[in-house]
Amino acid sequence: MSELDKISSIFDAKIGSAKSKEDLQNLKTEFFGKNGKITQQFKTLASLDPQKRKEFASNLNKIKDDLTNQLEEKSSEIENIEINQKLKNEKVDITLPVRPYQQGKIHPVSQVIDEISSIFSEIGFSVAEGPDVETEYNNFTALNTPEDHPARDMHDTFYLDENKKILLRTHTSPVQIRAMLNGKPPFKIIVPGRTYRCDSDQTHAPMFHQLEGLHIDKNITMGHLKGCLDYFVKEFFEVKKIKMRFRPSHFPFTEPSAEVDIGYRIENDKIVIGEGDKWLEVLGCGMVHPNVLKNAKVDSKKYQGFAFGMGIDRLAMLKYGINDLRAFFETDYRWLSHFGFDPLDVPTNYRGLSK
């Protein structure tokens, strides 16, 4: 028996008895280490004459490859055995009682969206939706926003292409355009959803929630708008009386435009909505600009209407006493447990929105 055959025979006997990765490592060191049996055989090649060296080197490489393959196969076999043993030891006894669990809560933003939707559904508004990724036309041009308007600047808007044709919508107003282009008047919709702007501090976030309202029909006036918002504010803040004022303002997509303030007072370090000597801005509104109707293929000589927009996060902060907008997005269960709502307590007007 040649020396190489002896080495192969010894290896076969030892690898058969290997039971762990540690045994394999010791075997690898014994045969392929610095002073291993195979390594020593390679060192003898230099002392052989050229004729024998070639044949010996060929046989040595074959044995080396064979032993290496056996080591790899044995390693995989041992690894599978260890995994199966681990799975067997870690199996779950499904007959054990379940662990105690904590009931989830509805986020204040979701709650307020449901509350607002419930209020406006009572007076005939339906909920419309649109994509977060919008075209520049729907977000600005169709809404009568001038080319040099500051809102179009990159420091205020998240553009998604170099040509500034695709962007993350800065308001939910583009859904107005989509709704009017895809249907025929009258329109009576609200549009809750996520919006995006380059802003972040205690009262602003780069992603926030807005709600847009639109009512287009024949003979709609500013009086209808005031009546609609008066009803909404009373129902949302759950008060019987509300002091409200409309301040002249400017928005590209409405004419005339107004900011809406409601009265409040401070009582026991808390804001009490309704009446008082202080004013709080809650939303913007106005009569839809004729250019917007024209861009949406609506006959402005036959139809007119009003639109309004409000920040859902801001309304949630006012109603439920939350003083930092950033907490809405921090996924802190303790915060949600305190400010969240029972998932089965669906808001309805007849029994109180937040009871």
Protein backbone atom coordinates (compact mmCIF):
# COMPACT_ATOMS: atom_id res chain seq x y z
CA MET A 1 0.00 0.00 0.00
CA SER A 2 1.45 3.38 -1.00
CA GLU A 3 1.81 6.26 1.43
CA LEU A 4 -1.06 8.13 -0.24
CA ASP A 5 -3.35 5.10 0.09
CA LYS A 6 -2.49 4.87 3.80
CA ILE A 7 -3.37 8.56 4.31
CA SER A 8 -6.66 8.08 2.49
CA SER A 9 -7.48 4.98 4.57
CA ILE A 10 -6.72 6.80 7.86
CA PHE A 11 -8.85 9.76 6.80
CA ASP A 12 -11.81 7.49 5.88
CA ALA A 13 -11.74 5.87 9.31
CA LYS A 14 -11.56 9.16 11.19
CA ILE A 15 -14.18 11.07 9.23
CA GLY A 16 -16.66 8.28 9.79
CA SER A 17 -16.40 8.79 13.56
CA ALA A 18 -16.61 12.63 13.43
CA LYS A 19 -19.73 13.84 15.29
CA SER A 20 -19.29 17.63 15.50
CA LYS A 21 -17.84 20.62 13.71
CA GLU A 22 -15.02 20.59 16.25
CA ASP A 23 -14.11 17.03 15.20
CA LEU A 24 -14.06 18.14 11.58
CA GLN A 25 -11.82 21.09 12.37
CA ASN A 26 -9.34 18.82 14.17
CA LEU A 27 -9.40 16.43 11.20
CA LYS A 28 -8.80 19.29 8.79
CA THR A 29 -5.83 20.47 10.83
CA GLU A 30 -4.41 16.94 11.02
CA PHE A 31 -4.44 16.48 7.24
CA PHE A 32 -4.31 20.00 5.76
CA GLY A 33 -2.70 22.09 8.49
CA LYS A 34 0.84 23.47 8.45
CA ASN A 35 2.25 20.11 9.47
CA GLY A 36 -0.63 18.01 8.16
CA LYS A 37 -0.22 14.69 6.36
CA ILE A 38 -1.27 16.03 2.95
CA THR A 39 0.79 19.20 3.41
CA GLN A 40 3.90 17.11 4.18
CA GLN A 41 3.42 15.11 1.00
CA PHE A 42 3.40 18.30 -1.07
CA LYS A 43 6.71 19.28 0.55
CA THR A 44 8.34 16.05 -0.74
CA LEU A 45 7.62 16.92 -4.38
CA ALA A 46 10.80 18.96 -4.72
CA SER A 47 13.00 15.97 -3.84
CA LEU A 48 11.53 13.64 -6.46
CA ASP A 49 12.98 13.21 -9.96
CA PRO A 50 10.91 14.85 -12.74
CA GLN A 51 9.41 11.59 -14.08
CA LYS A 52 7.99 10.43 -10.72
CA ARG A 53 7.09 13.96 -9.60
CA LYS A 54 4.46 14.43 -12.29
CA GLU A 55 2.63 11.15 -11.54
CA PHE A 56 2.91 11.63 -7.76
CA ALA A 57 1.60 15.23 -7.95
CA SER A 58 -1.40 14.08 -10.02
CA ASN A 59 -2.31 11.35 -7.51
CA LEU A 60 -1.75 13.71 -4.58
CA ASN A 61 -4.10 16.34 -6.02
CA LYS A 62 -6.79 13.71 -6.61
CA ILE A 63 -6.60 12.57 -2.99
CA LYS A 64 -6.57 16.16 -1.77
CA ASP A 65 -9.76 16.93 -3.76
CA ASP A 66 -11.42 13.73 -2.55
CA LEU A 67 -10.68 14.45 1.13
CA THR A 68 -11.81 18.06 0.76
CA ASN A 69 -15.14 16.96 -0.76
CA GLN A 70 -15.67 14.48 2.06
CA LEU A 71 -15.05 17.22 4.62
CA GLU A 72 -17.63 19.50 2.96
CA GLU A 73 -20.25 16.75 2.75
CA LYS A 74 -19.68 15.76 6.37
CA SER A 75 -19.91 19.40 7.44
CA SER A 76 -23.32 19.79 5.73
CA GLU A 77 -24.51 16.52 7.28
CA ILE A 78 -23.51 17.62 10.79
CA GLU A 79 -25.08 21.07 10.26
CA ASN A 80 -28.41 19.51 9.24
CA ILE A 81 -28.36 17.23 12.27
CA GLU A 82 -27.72 20.20 14.58
CA ILE A 83 -30.55 22.24 12.98
CA ASN A 84 -33.02 19.35 13.29
CA GLN A 85 -32.03 18.80 16.89
CA LYS A 86 -32.47 22.49 17.63
CA LEU A 87 -35.92 22.54 16.00
CA LYS A 88 -36.91 19.48 18.01
CA ASN A 89 -35.82 21.09 21.28
CA GLU A 90 -37.40 24.47 20.52
CA LYS A 91 -40.83 23.35 19.33
CA VAL A 92 -43.79 25.28 20.76
CA ASP A 93 -46.30 23.49 22.90
CA ILE A 94 -49.56 24.83 21.46
CA THR A 95 -51.49 23.48 24.44
CA LEU A 96 -49.97 26.19 26.65
CA PRO A 97 -52.21 29.17 27.53
CA VAL A 98 -51.70 32.31 25.42
CA ARG A 99 -49.66 35.17 26.77
CA PRO A 100 -51.50 38.27 28.01
CA TYR A 101 -51.93 40.84 25.20
CA GLN A 102 -52.58 44.55 24.99
CA GLN A 103 -55.45 45.78 22.85
CA GLY A 104 -54.45 48.08 20.00
CA LYS A 105 -55.72 51.64 19.66
CA ILE A 106 -56.91 53.76 16.74
CA HIS A 107 -54.49 56.58 15.93
CA PRO A 108 -55.89 60.12 16.52
CA VAL A 109 -55.38 60.98 12.83
CA SER A 110 -57.44 57.96 11.74
CA GLN A 111 -60.06 58.83 14.34
CA VAL A 112 -60.34 62.44 13.15
CA ILE A 113 -60.62 61.35 9.50
CA ASP A 114 -63.51 59.08 10.49
CA GLU A 115 -65.11 61.88 12.53
CA ILE A 116 -64.91 64.40 9.67
CA SER A 117 -66.17 61.84 7.14
CA SER A 118 -69.11 61.07 9.41
CA ILE A 119 -70.00 64.76 9.75
CA PHE A 120 -69.90 65.57 6.04
CA SER A 121 -71.70 62.37 5.06
CA GLU A 122 -74.71 63.70 6.98
CA ILE A 123 -75.01 66.59 4.52
CA GLY A 124 -74.44 64.64 1.32
CA PHE A 125 -70.67 64.68 0.81
CA SER A 126 -68.93 61.53 -0.42
CA VAL A 127 -65.28 60.59 0.12
CA ALA A 128 -62.91 60.72 -2.89
CA GLU A 129 -59.29 59.57 -3.12
CA GLY A 130 -56.30 60.20 -5.36
CA PRO A 131 -52.61 59.20 -5.68
CA ASP A 132 -49.86 60.63 -3.49
CA VAL A 133 -47.61 60.94 -6.57
CA GLU A 134 -49.09 63.64 -8.80
CA THR A 135 -48.43 65.51 -11.99
CA GLU A 136 -47.32 69.14 -11.92
CA TYR A 137 -50.42 69.99 -13.98
CA ASN A 138 -52.93 68.60 -11.49
CA ASN A 139 -51.05 69.91 -8.45
CA PHE A 140 -50.35 73.45 -9.70
CA THR A 141 -51.30 74.45 -13.25
CA ALA A 142 -54.89 73.19 -13.29
CA LEU A 143 -55.40 74.87 -9.91
CA ASN A 144 -54.50 78.26 -11.38
CA THR A 145 -51.11 78.45 -9.62
CA PRO A 146 -48.79 80.89 -11.46
CA GLU A 147 -45.43 79.71 -12.82
CA ASP A 148 -43.56 82.02 -10.40
CA HIS A 149 -45.57 81.03 -7.31
CA PRO A 150 -43.30 80.21 -4.29
CA ALA A 151 -45.09 76.88 -3.72
CA ARG A 152 -43.50 75.57 -6.94
CA ASP A 153 -39.96 76.04 -5.59
CA MET A 154 -37.91 72.97 -4.66
CA HIS A 155 -37.50 74.20 -1.07
CA ASP A 156 -41.26 73.70 -0.65
CA THR A 157 -42.07 70.78 -2.98
CA PHE A 158 -40.67 67.26 -3.35
CA TYR A 159 -40.08 66.79 -7.10
CA LEU A 160 -39.44 63.25 -8.36
CA ASP A 161 -37.87 64.07 -11.73
CA GLU A 162 -35.44 66.60 -13.15
CA ASN A 163 -38.09 68.28 -15.30
CA LYS A 164 -40.35 68.96 -12.31
CA LYS A 165 -43.30 67.24 -13.97
CA ILE A 166 -43.84 64.55 -11.31
CA LEU A 167 -44.03 65.31 -7.58
CA LEU A 168 -45.41 64.31 -4.20
CA ARG A 169 -48.66 66.25 -3.91
CA THR A 170 -48.44 69.33 -1.69
CA HIS A 171 -52.18 69.33 -0.96
CA THR A 172 -55.21 67.14 -1.64
CA SER A 173 -56.64 69.69 -4.11
CA PRO A 174 -55.46 67.73 -7.20
CA VAL A 175 -58.21 65.23 -6.44
CA GLN A 176 -60.67 68.06 -7.20
CA ILE A 177 -59.29 68.20 -10.73
CA ARG A 178 -59.36 64.41 -11.14
CA ALA A 179 -62.96 64.22 -9.87
CA MET A 180 -64.19 66.98 -12.19
CA LEU A 181 -62.35 65.64 -15.25
CA ASN A 182 -63.72 62.13 -14.67
CA GLY A 183 -67.33 63.08 -14.00
CA LYS A 184 -70.10 65.58 -14.58
CA PRO A 185 -71.45 68.17 -12.14
CA PRO A 186 -72.79 68.42 -9.53
CA PHE A 187 -69.83 67.46 -7.33
CA LYS A 188 -69.96 67.18 -3.56
CA ILE A 189 -66.84 65.51 -2.18
CA ILE A 190 -64.32 65.55 0.64
CA VAL A 191 -60.77 64.31 0.11
CA PRO A 192 -58.75 63.19 3.14
CA GLY A 193 -55.18 62.07 2.53
CA ARG A 194 -51.43 62.41 2.96
CA THR A 195 -49.59 65.46 1.61
CA TYR A 196 -45.90 66.37 1.47
CA ARG A 197 -43.85 69.54 1.86
CA CYS A 198 -40.24 70.39 2.74
CA ASP A 199 -40.91 71.44 6.32
CA SER A 200 -40.29 69.98 9.78
CA ASP A 201 -40.66 71.41 13.29
CA GLN A 202 -42.97 71.18 16.33
CA THR A 203 -46.05 72.12 14.30
CA HIS A 204 -44.98 71.03 10.78
CA ALA A 205 -43.95 67.69 9.29
CA PRO A 206 -42.65 66.75 5.81
CA MET A 207 -45.60 64.36 5.56
CA PHE A 208 -48.93 65.42 7.03
CA HIS A 209 -52.65 64.94 6.49
CA GLN A 210 -55.09 67.31 4.83
CA LEU A 211 -58.76 67.26 3.97
CA GLU A 212 -60.17 69.04 0.95
CA GLY A 213 -63.84 69.80 0.37
CA LEU A 214 -65.54 70.66 -2.93
CA HIS A 215 -69.15 71.48 -3.81
CA ILE A 216 -69.95 72.40 -7.41
CA ASP A 217 -73.54 72.97 -8.55
CA LYS A 218 -75.84 75.62 -9.97
CA ASN A 219 -76.41 78.76 -7.87
CA ILE A 220 -73.91 77.90 -5.10
CA THR A 221 -72.96 80.99 -3.07
CA MET A 222 -70.65 82.09 -0.26
CA GLY A 223 -73.64 81.70 2.04
CA HIS A 224 -73.72 77.96 1.37
CA LEU A 225 -70.01 77.80 2.23
CA LYS A 226 -70.49 79.62 5.54
CA GLY A 227 -73.43 77.44 6.49
CA CYS A 228 -71.50 74.26 5.66
CA LEU A 229 -68.44 75.26 7.72
CA ASP A 230 -70.55 76.51 10.64
CA TYR A 231 -72.24 73.09 10.78
CA PHE A 232 -68.90 71.28 10.53
CA VAL A 233 -67.11 73.21 13.27
CA LYS A 234 -70.00 72.81 15.73
CA GLU A 235 -70.25 69.08 15.08
CA PHE A 236 -66.51 68.43 15.11
CA PHE A 237 -65.73 70.29 18.33
CA GLU A 238 -69.07 69.15 19.78
CA VAL A 239 -70.27 72.59 20.86
CA LYS A 240 -73.70 74.20 20.44
CA LYS A 241 -72.41 77.72 19.87
CA ILE A 242 -69.43 78.84 17.86
CA LYS A 243 -68.01 82.28 17.21
CA MET A 244 -66.60 82.32 13.69
CA ARG A 245 -65.11 84.92 11.40
CA PHE A 246 -64.00 84.90 7.76
CA ARG A 247 -60.86 86.96 7.04
CA PRO A 248 -60.13 87.96 3.43
CA SER A 249 -57.17 86.01 2.06
CA HIS A 250 -55.73 84.80 -1.24
CA PHE A 251 -55.42 81.36 -2.79
CA PRO A 252 -54.77 80.86 -6.52
CA PHE A 253 -57.62 78.37 -6.86
CA THR A 254 -60.42 80.35 -5.14
CA GLU A 255 -61.89 83.86 -5.60
CA PRO A 256 -62.92 85.31 -3.24
CA SER A 257 -60.79 83.51 -0.64
CA ALA A 258 -60.93 83.53 3.14
CA GLU A 259 -59.24 82.19 6.26
CA VAL A 260 -61.63 80.91 8.92
CA ASP A 261 -61.05 81.70 12.59
CA ILE A 262 -63.02 80.37 15.53
CA GLY A 263 -63.31 81.86 18.99
CA TYR A 264 -61.78 80.27 22.07
CA ARG A 265 -60.74 81.00 25.61
CA ILE A 266 -58.18 79.57 28.02
CA GLU A 267 -59.72 77.82 31.01
CA ASN A 268 -57.60 75.91 33.56
CA ASP A 269 -54.65 76.04 31.13
CA LYS A 270 -56.75 74.37 28.42
CA ILE A 271 -58.20 75.66 25.15
CA VAL A 272 -62.00 75.81 25.23
CA ILE A 273 -63.41 76.05 21.70
CA GLY A 274 -66.59 78.01 20.98
CA GLU A 275 -66.66 81.48 22.44
CA GLY A 276 -64.08 83.78 23.95
CA ASP A 277 -61.89 86.79 23.32
CA LYS A 278 -59.20 84.91 21.35
CA TRP A 279 -59.17 83.70 17.76
CA LEU A 280 -57.77 80.49 16.28
CA GLU A 281 -57.26 79.84 12.56
CA VAL A 282 -58.64 76.44 11.53
CA LEU A 283 -58.96 76.32 7.73
CA GLY A 284 -58.92 78.13 4.39
CA CYS A 285 -61.76 78.35 1.89
CA GLY A 286 -63.36 80.29 -0.96
CA MET A 287 -65.39 80.15 -4.14
CA VAL A 288 -63.76 78.01 -6.82
CA HIS A 289 -61.91 80.18 -9.33
CA PRO A 290 -63.45 80.17 -12.84
CA ASN A 291 -60.06 79.24 -14.30
CA VAL A 292 -60.04 76.05 -12.22
CA LEU A 293 -63.49 75.12 -13.52
CA LYS A 294 -62.32 75.84 -17.07
CA ASN A 295 -59.21 73.65 -16.64
CA ALA A 296 -61.44 70.86 -15.29
CA LYS A 297 -63.83 71.10 -18.30
CA VAL A 298 -66.71 72.52 -16.21
CA ASP A 299 -68.87 75.32 -17.67
CA SER A 300 -68.19 78.25 -15.32
CA LYS A 301 -71.16 80.19 -16.73
CA LYS A 302 -73.51 77.43 -15.66
CA TYR A 303 -71.85 76.06 -12.55
CA GLN A 304 -70.00 77.50 -9.58
CA GLY A 305 -69.10 76.28 -6.14
CA PHE A 306 -66.91 76.45 -3.08
CA ALA A 307 -63.85 74.63 -1.78
CA PHE A 308 -62.17 74.42 1.60
CA GLY A 309 -59.07 72.80 3.04
CA MET A 310 -57.96 71.95 6.55
CA GLY A 311 -55.07 70.22 8.30
CA ILE A 312 -56.27 66.98 9.89
CA ASP A 313 -53.25 66.72 12.20
CA ARG A 314 -53.81 70.28 13.42
CA LEU A 315 -57.49 69.62 14.14
CA ALA A 316 -56.54 66.49 16.08
CA MET A 317 -54.04 68.51 18.13
CA LEU A 318 -56.65 71.17 18.93
CA LYS A 319 -59.44 68.79 19.83
CA TYR A 320 -57.46 66.29 21.88
CA GLY A 321 -54.83 68.50 23.51
CA ILE A 322 -51.74 67.18 21.67
CA ASN A 323 -48.96 69.77 21.76
CA ASP A 324 -46.31 68.29 19.44
CA LEU A 325 -47.02 67.18 15.87
CA ARG A 326 -43.91 65.00 15.74
CA ALA A 327 -45.40 62.61 18.30
CA PHE A 328 -47.97 61.54 15.67
CA PHE A 329 -45.25 59.73 13.70
CA GLU A 330 -42.93 58.34 16.42
CA THR A 331 -44.78 54.98 16.81
CA ASP A 332 -44.59 55.17 20.61
CA TYR A 333 -47.14 52.70 21.98
CA ARG A 334 -47.31 54.55 25.30
CA TRP A 335 -48.37 57.73 23.47
CA LEU A 336 -50.89 55.81 21.36
CA SER A 337 -52.24 54.07 24.44
CA HIS A 338 -52.91 57.48 26.00
CA PHE A 339 -54.28 59.38 22.98
CA GLY A 340 -55.65 56.44 20.96
CA PHE A 341 -59.26 55.30 20.64
CA ASP A 342 -61.17 52.06 21.11
CA PRO A 343 -61.22 50.33 17.68
CA LEU A 344 -64.88 49.38 18.19
CA ASP A 345 -65.97 52.93 19.03
CA VAL A 346 -66.74 54.09 15.49
CA PRO A 347 -67.54 57.86 15.31
CA THR A 348 -71.19 58.68 14.63
CA ASN A 349 -73.06 61.97 14.91
CA TYR A 350 -76.08 60.67 16.76
CA ARG A 351 -74.21 59.48 19.85
CA GLY A 352 -71.25 61.85 19.86
CA LEU A 353 -68.10 61.60 17.81
CA SER A 354 -65.50 61.08 20.54
CA LYS A 355 -67.55 59.56 23.37
